[in-house]
Amino acid sequence: MNVSNNKASNKKRPSFWRNQSLVALWTGQGLSSLGTGIYQAGLAWEVVHITGPHLLWVPFLSLRLYQ
């Protein structure tokens, strides 16, 4: 049986949750993406509300929402 007593192999890798800067970055990016999606949906809703539900808006708005 080959048992290695190497300290480097016994170290645990650093956890994602322990790196506060990385957690803050990913949290901020996630919230920003969520906010962008809500904004785009609200903007599309407002365009349809102001101009009326014209069929010409459907392709433009659907492409814009899923960009």
PDB file of N, CA and C in Angstrom:
ATOM      1  N   MET A   1       0.843  -1.177   0.000  1.00  0.00           N
ATOM      2  CA  MET A   1       0.000   0.000   0.000  1.00  0.00           C
ATOM      3  C   MET A   1       0.887   1.238   0.000  1.00  0.00           C
ATOM      4  N   ASN A   2       0.648   2.127  -0.948  1.00  0.00           N
ATOM      5  CA  ASN A   2       1.457   3.322  -1.098  1.00  0.00           C
ATOM      6  C   ASN A   2       0.722   4.510  -0.486  1.00  0.00           C
ATOM      7  N   VAL A   3       1.161   4.925   0.701  1.00  0.00           N
ATOM      8  CA  VAL A   3       0.531   6.053   1.390  1.00  0.00           C
ATOM      9  C   VAL A   3       1.482   7.226   1.335  1.00  0.00           C
ATOM     10  N   SER A   4       1.019   8.302   0.738  1.00  0.00           N
ATOM     11  CA  SER A   4       1.851   9.493   0.609  1.00  0.00           C
ATOM     12  C   SER A   4       1.551  10.441   1.763  1.00  0.00           C
ATOM     13  N   ASN A   5       2.600  10.980   2.344  1.00  0.00           N
ATOM     14  CA  ASN A   5       2.437  11.918   3.446  1.00  0.00           C
ATOM     15  C   ASN A   5       2.736  13.336   2.976  1.00  0.00           C
ATOM     16  N   ASN A   6       2.553  13.588   1.717  1.00  0.00           N
ATOM     17  CA  ASN A   6       2.838  14.886   1.123  1.00  0.00           C
ATOM     18  C   ASN A   6       1.809  15.907   1.597  1.00  0.00           C
ATOM     19  N   LYS A   7       2.290  17.034   2.152  1.00  0.00           N
ATOM     20  CA  LYS A   7       1.375  18.056   2.672  1.00  0.00           C
ATOM     21  C   LYS A   7       0.579  18.729   1.551  1.00  0.00           C
ATOM     22  N   ALA A   8       1.171  18.866   0.377  1.00  0.00           N
ATOM     23  CA  ALA A   8       0.485  19.521  -0.739  1.00  0.00           C
ATOM     24  C   ALA A   8      -0.723  18.718  -1.189  1.00  0.00           C
ATOM     25  N   SER A   9      -0.629  17.402  -1.143  1.00  0.00           N
ATOM     26  CA  SER A   9      -1.758  16.588  -1.585  1.00  0.00           C
ATOM     27  C   SER A   9      -2.860  16.525  -0.535  1.00  0.00           C
ATOM     28  N   ASN A  10      -2.526  16.812   0.722  1.00  0.00           N
ATOM     29  CA  ASN A  10      -3.520  16.784   1.793  1.00  0.00           C
ATOM     30  C   ASN A  10      -4.289  18.093   1.925  1.00  0.00           C
ATOM     31  N   LYS A  11      -3.802  19.164   1.287  1.00  0.00           N
ATOM     32  CA  LYS A  11      -4.496  20.457   1.375  1.00  0.00           C
ATOM     33  C   LYS A  11      -5.802  20.401   0.603  1.00  0.00           C
ATOM     34  N   LYS A  12      -6.805  21.015   1.180  1.00  0.00           N
ATOM     35  CA  LYS A  12      -8.076  21.138   0.479  1.00  0.00           C
ATOM     36  C   LYS A  12      -8.014  22.342  -0.451  1.00  0.00           C
ATOM     37  N   ARG A  13      -8.708  22.236  -1.549  1.00  0.00           N
ATOM     38  CA  ARG A  13      -8.794  23.377  -2.447  1.00  0.00           C
ATOM     39  C   ARG A  13      -9.647  24.453  -1.797  1.00  0.00           C
ATOM     40  N   PRO A  14      -9.336  25.722  -2.070  1.00  0.00           N
ATOM     41  CA  PRO A  14     -10.141  26.794  -1.481  1.00  0.00           C
ATOM     42  C   PRO A  14     -11.574  26.752  -2.009  1.00  0.00           C
ATOM     43  N   SER A  15     -12.492  26.958  -1.120  1.00  0.00           N
ATOM     44  CA  SER A  15     -13.903  26.925  -1.478  1.00  0.00           C
ATOM     45  C   SER A  15     -14.304  28.209  -2.199  1.00  0.00           C
ATOM     46  N   PHE A  16     -15.235  28.070  -3.119  1.00  0.00           N
ATOM     47  CA  PHE A  16     -15.780  29.228  -3.834  1.00  0.00           C
ATOM     48  C   PHE A  16     -16.390  30.214  -2.841  1.00  0.00           C
ATOM     49  N   TRP A  17     -17.063  29.708  -1.834  1.00  0.00           N
ATOM     50  CA  TRP A  17     -17.789  30.558  -0.890  1.00  0.00           C
ATOM     51  C   TRP A  17     -16.869  31.314   0.054  1.00  0.00           C
ATOM     52  N   ARG A  18     -15.613  30.912   0.154  1.00  0.00           N
ATOM     53  CA  ARG A  18     -14.677  31.613   1.040  1.00  0.00           C
ATOM     54  C   ARG A  18     -14.048  32.823   0.371  1.00  0.00           C
ATOM     55  N   ASN A  19     -14.091  32.887  -0.935  1.00  0.00           N
ATOM     56  CA  ASN A  19     -13.528  34.014  -1.666  1.00  0.00           C
ATOM     57  C   ASN A  19     -14.609  35.089  -1.795  1.00  0.00           C
ATOM     58  N   GLN A  20     -14.567  36.059  -0.886  1.00  0.00           N
ATOM     59  CA  GLN A  20     -15.631  37.065  -0.819  1.00  0.00           C
ATOM     60  C   GLN A  20     -15.701  37.926  -2.069  1.00  0.00           C
ATOM     61  N   SER A  21     -14.580  38.224  -2.659  1.00  0.00           N
ATOM     62  CA  SER A  21     -14.586  39.042  -3.875  1.00  0.00           C
ATOM     63  C   SER A  21     -15.279  38.317  -5.020  1.00  0.00           C
ATOM     64  N   LEU A  22     -15.003  37.030  -5.156  1.00  0.00           N
ATOM     65  CA  LEU A  22     -15.615  36.254  -6.233  1.00  0.00           C
ATOM     66  C   LEU A  22     -17.116  36.080  -6.004  1.00  0.00           C
ATOM     67  N   VAL A  23     -17.509  35.854  -4.764  1.00  0.00           N
ATOM     68  CA  VAL A  23     -18.934  35.724  -4.443  1.00  0.00           C
ATOM     69  C   VAL A  23     -19.651  37.044  -4.713  1.00  0.00           C
ATOM     70  N   ALA A  24     -19.033  38.160  -4.346  1.00  0.00           N
ATOM     71  CA  ALA A  24     -19.643  39.470  -4.596  1.00  0.00           C
ATOM     72  C   ALA A  24     -19.770  39.733  -6.093  1.00  0.00           C
ATOM     73  N   LEU A  25     -18.742  39.366  -6.850  1.00  0.00           N
ATOM     74  CA  LEU A  25     -18.786  39.554  -8.309  1.00  0.00           C
ATOM     75  C   LEU A  25     -19.912  38.743  -8.931  1.00  0.00           C
ATOM     76  N   TRP A  26     -20.005  37.461  -8.599  1.00  0.00           N
ATOM     77  CA  TRP A  26     -21.043  36.603  -9.181  1.00  0.00           C
ATOM     78  C   TRP A  26     -22.432  37.028  -8.727  1.00  0.00           C
ATOM     79  N   THR A  27     -22.565  37.459  -7.487  1.00  0.00           N
ATOM     80  CA  THR A  27     -23.870  37.932  -7.000  1.00  0.00           C
ATOM     81  C   THR A  27     -24.279  39.201  -7.742  1.00  0.00           C
ATOM     82  N   GLY A  28     -23.345  40.121  -7.896  1.00  0.00           N
ATOM     83  CA  GLY A  28     -23.636  41.358  -8.621  1.00  0.00           C
ATOM     84  C   GLY A  28     -23.987  41.108 -10.074  1.00  0.00           C
ATOM     85  N   GLN A  29     -23.255  40.210 -10.722  1.00  0.00           N
ATOM     86  CA  GLN A  29     -23.545  39.890 -12.114  1.00  0.00           C
ATOM     87  C   GLN A  29     -24.919  39.228 -12.260  1.00  0.00           C
ATOM     88  N   GLY A  30     -25.243  38.351 -11.327  1.00  0.00           N
ATOM     89  CA  GLY A  30     -26.549  37.686 -11.370  1.00  0.00           C
ATOM     90  C   GLY A  30     -27.693  38.671 -11.184  1.00  0.00           C
ATOM     91  N   LEU A  31     -27.549  39.561 -10.212  1.00  0.00           N
ATOM     92  CA  LEU A  31     -28.583  40.569  -9.978  1.00  0.00           C
ATOM     93  C   LEU A  31     -28.689  41.538 -11.154  1.00  0.00           C
ATOM     94  N   SER A  32     -27.555  41.879 -11.736  1.00  0.00           N
ATOM     95  CA  SER A  32     -27.571  42.762 -12.898  1.00  0.00           C
ATOM     96  C   SER A  32     -28.287  42.114 -14.079  1.00  0.00           C
ATOM     97  N   SER A  33     -28.024  40.846 -14.312  1.00  0.00           N
ATOM     98  CA  SER A  33     -28.709  40.134 -15.401  1.00  0.00           C
ATOM     99  C   SER A  33     -30.206  40.039 -15.145  1.00  0.00           C
ATOM    100  N   LEU A  34     -30.568  39.783 -13.914  1.00  0.00           N
ATOM    101  CA  LEU A  34     -31.989  39.729 -13.554  1.00  0.00           C
ATOM    102  C   LEU A  34     -32.651  41.084 -13.781  1.00  0.00           C
ATOM    103  N   GLY A  35     -31.994  42.144 -13.350  1.00  0.00           N
ATOM    104  CA  GLY A  35     -32.530  43.488 -13.539  1.00  0.00           C
ATOM    105  C   GLY A  35     -32.652  43.868 -15.006  1.00  0.00           C
ATOM    106  N   THR A  36     -31.683  43.459 -15.810  1.00  0.00           N
ATOM    107  CA  THR A  36     -31.740  43.730 -17.242  1.00  0.00           C
ATOM    108  C   THR A  36     -32.926  43.022 -17.884  1.00  0.00           C
ATOM    109  N   GLY A  37     -33.159  41.783 -17.496  1.00  0.00           N
ATOM    110  CA  GLY A  37     -34.304  41.040 -18.028  1.00  0.00           C
ATOM    111  C   GLY A  37     -35.625  41.674 -17.646  1.00  0.00           C
ATOM    112  N   ILE A  38     -35.737  42.102 -16.393  1.00  0.00           N
ATOM    113  CA  ILE A  38     -36.968  42.761 -15.934  1.00  0.00           C
ATOM    114  C   ILE A  38     -37.161  44.080 -16.666  1.00  0.00           C
ATOM    115  N   TYR A  39     -36.080  44.830 -16.847  1.00  0.00           N
ATOM    116  CA  TYR A  39     -36.164  46.103 -17.568  1.00  0.00           C
ATOM    117  C   TYR A  39     -36.611  45.894 -19.011  1.00  0.00           C
ATOM    118  N   GLN A  40     -36.026  44.915 -19.687  1.00  0.00           N
ATOM    119  CA  GLN A  40     -36.374  44.677 -21.088  1.00  0.00           C
ATOM    120  C   GLN A  40     -37.820  44.221 -21.225  1.00  0.00           C
ATOM    121  N   ALA A  41     -38.283  43.380 -20.324  1.00  0.00           N
ATOM    122  CA  ALA A  41     -39.682  42.948 -20.375  1.00  0.00           C
ATOM    123  C   ALA A  41     -40.616  44.129 -20.115  1.00  0.00           C
ATOM    124  N   GLY A  42     -40.255  44.978 -19.147  1.00  0.00           N
ATOM    125  CA  GLY A  42     -41.067  46.158 -18.852  1.00  0.00           C
ATOM    126  C   GLY A  42     -41.077  47.151 -19.997  1.00  0.00           C
ATOM    127  N   LEU A  43     -39.948  47.308 -20.646  1.00  0.00           N
ATOM    128  CA  LEU A  43     -39.874  48.218 -21.792  1.00  0.00           C
ATOM    129  C   LEU A  43     -40.734  47.712 -22.944  1.00  0.00           C
ATOM    130  N   ALA A  44     -40.667  46.415 -23.215  1.00  0.00           N
ATOM    131  CA  ALA A  44     -41.506  45.838 -24.267  1.00  0.00           C
ATOM    132  C   ALA A  44     -42.985  46.008 -23.924  1.00  0.00           C
ATOM    133  N   TRP A  45     -43.332  45.783 -22.671  1.00  0.00           N
ATOM    134  CA  TRP A  45     -44.715  45.948 -22.222  1.00  0.00           C
ATOM    135  C   TRP A  45     -45.168  47.398 -22.435  1.00  0.00           C
ATOM    136  N   GLU A  46     -44.310  48.344 -22.103  1.00  0.00           N
ATOM    137  CA  GLU A  46     -44.661  49.761 -22.234  1.00  0.00           C
ATOM    138  C   GLU A  46     -44.805  50.168 -23.698  1.00  0.00           C
ATOM    139  N   VAL A  47     -43.946  49.655 -24.569  1.00  0.00           N
ATOM    140  CA  VAL A  47     -44.051  49.953 -26.004  1.00  0.00           C
ATOM    141  C   VAL A  47     -45.390  49.460 -26.535  1.00  0.00           C
ATOM    142  N   VAL A  48     -45.759  48.246 -26.189  1.00  0.00           N
ATOM    143  CA  VAL A  48     -47.047  47.698 -26.643  1.00  0.00           C
ATOM    144  C   VAL A  48     -48.195  48.490 -26.029  1.00  0.00           C
ATOM    145  N   HIS A  49     -48.058  48.894 -24.772  1.00  0.00           N
ATOM    146  CA  HIS A  49     -49.113  49.648 -24.087  1.00  0.00           C
ATOM    147  C   HIS A  49     -49.317  51.020 -24.747  1.00  0.00           C
ATOM    148  N   ILE A  50     -48.235  51.684 -25.112  1.00  0.00           N
ATOM    149  CA  ILE A  50     -48.336  53.030 -25.690  1.00  0.00           C
ATOM    150  C   ILE A  50     -48.774  52.974 -27.154  1.00  0.00           C
ATOM    151  N   THR A  51     -48.187  52.084 -27.943  1.00  0.00           N
ATOM    152  CA  THR A  51     -48.434  52.084 -29.382  1.00  0.00           C
ATOM    153  C   THR A  51     -49.586  51.178 -29.800  1.00  0.00           C
ATOM    154  N   GLY A  52     -49.989  50.285 -28.950  1.00  0.00           N
ATOM    155  CA  GLY A  52     -51.021  49.323 -29.309  1.00  0.00           C
ATOM    156  C   GLY A  52     -50.386  48.019 -29.763  1.00  0.00           C
ATOM    157  N   PRO A  53     -51.148  46.963 -29.705  1.00  0.00           N
ATOM    158  CA  PRO A  53     -50.591  45.640 -30.039  1.00  0.00           C
ATOM    159  C   PRO A  53     -50.539  45.392 -31.551  1.00  0.00           C
ATOM    160  N   HIS A  54     -49.633  46.059 -32.215  1.00  0.00           N
ATOM    161  CA  HIS A  54     -49.468  45.867 -33.656  1.00  0.00           C
ATOM    162  C   HIS A  54     -48.652  44.612 -33.919  1.00  0.00           C
ATOM    163  N   LEU A  55     -48.987  43.921 -34.989  1.00  0.00           N
ATOM    164  CA  LEU A  55     -48.261  42.690 -35.324  1.00  0.00           C
ATOM    165  C   LEU A  55     -46.827  42.964 -35.770  1.00  0.00           C
ATOM    166  N   LEU A  56     -46.541  44.185 -36.193  1.00  0.00           N
ATOM    167  CA  LEU A  56     -45.179  44.508 -36.614  1.00  0.00           C
ATOM    168  C   LEU A  56     -44.203  44.541 -35.436  1.00  0.00           C
ATOM    169  N   TRP A  57     -44.702  44.756 -34.235  1.00  0.00           N
ATOM    170  CA  TRP A  57     -43.837  44.818 -33.054  1.00  0.00           C
ATOM    171  C   TRP A  57     -43.420  43.438 -32.559  1.00  0.00           C
ATOM    172  N   VAL A  58     -44.180  42.417 -32.882  1.00  0.00           N
ATOM    173  CA  VAL A  58     -43.944  41.082 -32.310  1.00  0.00           C
ATOM    174  C   VAL A  58     -42.546  40.550 -32.615  1.00  0.00           C
ATOM    175  N   PRO A  59     -42.087  40.533 -33.866  1.00  0.00           N
ATOM    176  CA  PRO A  59     -40.729  40.008 -34.110  1.00  0.00           C
ATOM    177  C   PRO A  59     -39.646  40.832 -33.427  1.00  0.00           C
ATOM    178  N   PHE A  60     -39.780  42.144 -33.467  1.00  0.00           N
ATOM    179  CA  PHE A  60     -38.778  43.003 -32.855  1.00  0.00           C
ATOM    180  C   PHE A  60     -38.693  42.780 -31.346  1.00  0.00           C
ATOM    181  N   LEU A  61     -39.832  42.755 -30.691  1.00  0.00           N
ATOM    182  CA  LEU A  61     -39.840  42.596 -29.241  1.00  0.00           C
ATOM    183  C   LEU A  61     -39.394  41.203 -28.815  1.00  0.00           C
ATOM    184  N   SER A  62     -39.779  40.187 -29.572  1.00  0.00           N
ATOM    185  CA  SER A  62     -39.373  38.841 -29.190  1.00  0.00           C
ATOM    186  C   SER A  62     -37.871  38.660 -29.372  1.00  0.00           C
ATOM    187  N   LEU A  63     -37.295  39.249 -30.407  1.00  0.00           N
ATOM    188  CA  LEU A  63     -35.837  39.183 -30.580  1.00  0.00           C
ATOM    189  C   LEU A  63     -35.123  39.977 -29.503  1.00  0.00           C
ATOM    190  N   ARG A  64     -35.679  41.108 -29.135  1.00  0.00           N
ATOM    191  CA  ARG A  64     -35.055  41.957 -28.136  1.00  0.00           C
ATOM    192  C   ARG A  64     -35.078  41.303 -26.745  1.00  0.00           C
ATOM    193  N   LEU A  65     -36.135  40.606 -26.419  1.00  0.00           N
ATOM    194  CA  LEU A  65     -36.235  39.981 -25.107  1.00  0.00           C
ATOM    195  C   LEU A  65     -35.282  38.798 -24.950  1.00  0.00           C
ATOM    196  N   TYR A  66     -35.000  38.107 -26.046  1.00  0.00           N
ATOM    197  CA  TYR A  66     -34.164  36.908 -25.946  1.00  0.00           C
ATOM    198  C   TYR A  66     -32.748  37.144 -26.446  1.00  0.00           C
ATOM    199  N   GLN A  67     -32.308  38.359 -26.426  1.00  0.00           N
ATOM    200  CA  GLN A  67     -30.974  38.674 -26.904  1.00  0.00           C
ATOM    201  C   GLN A  67     -29.942  38.407 -25.857  1.00  0.00           C
TER     202      GLN A  67
END
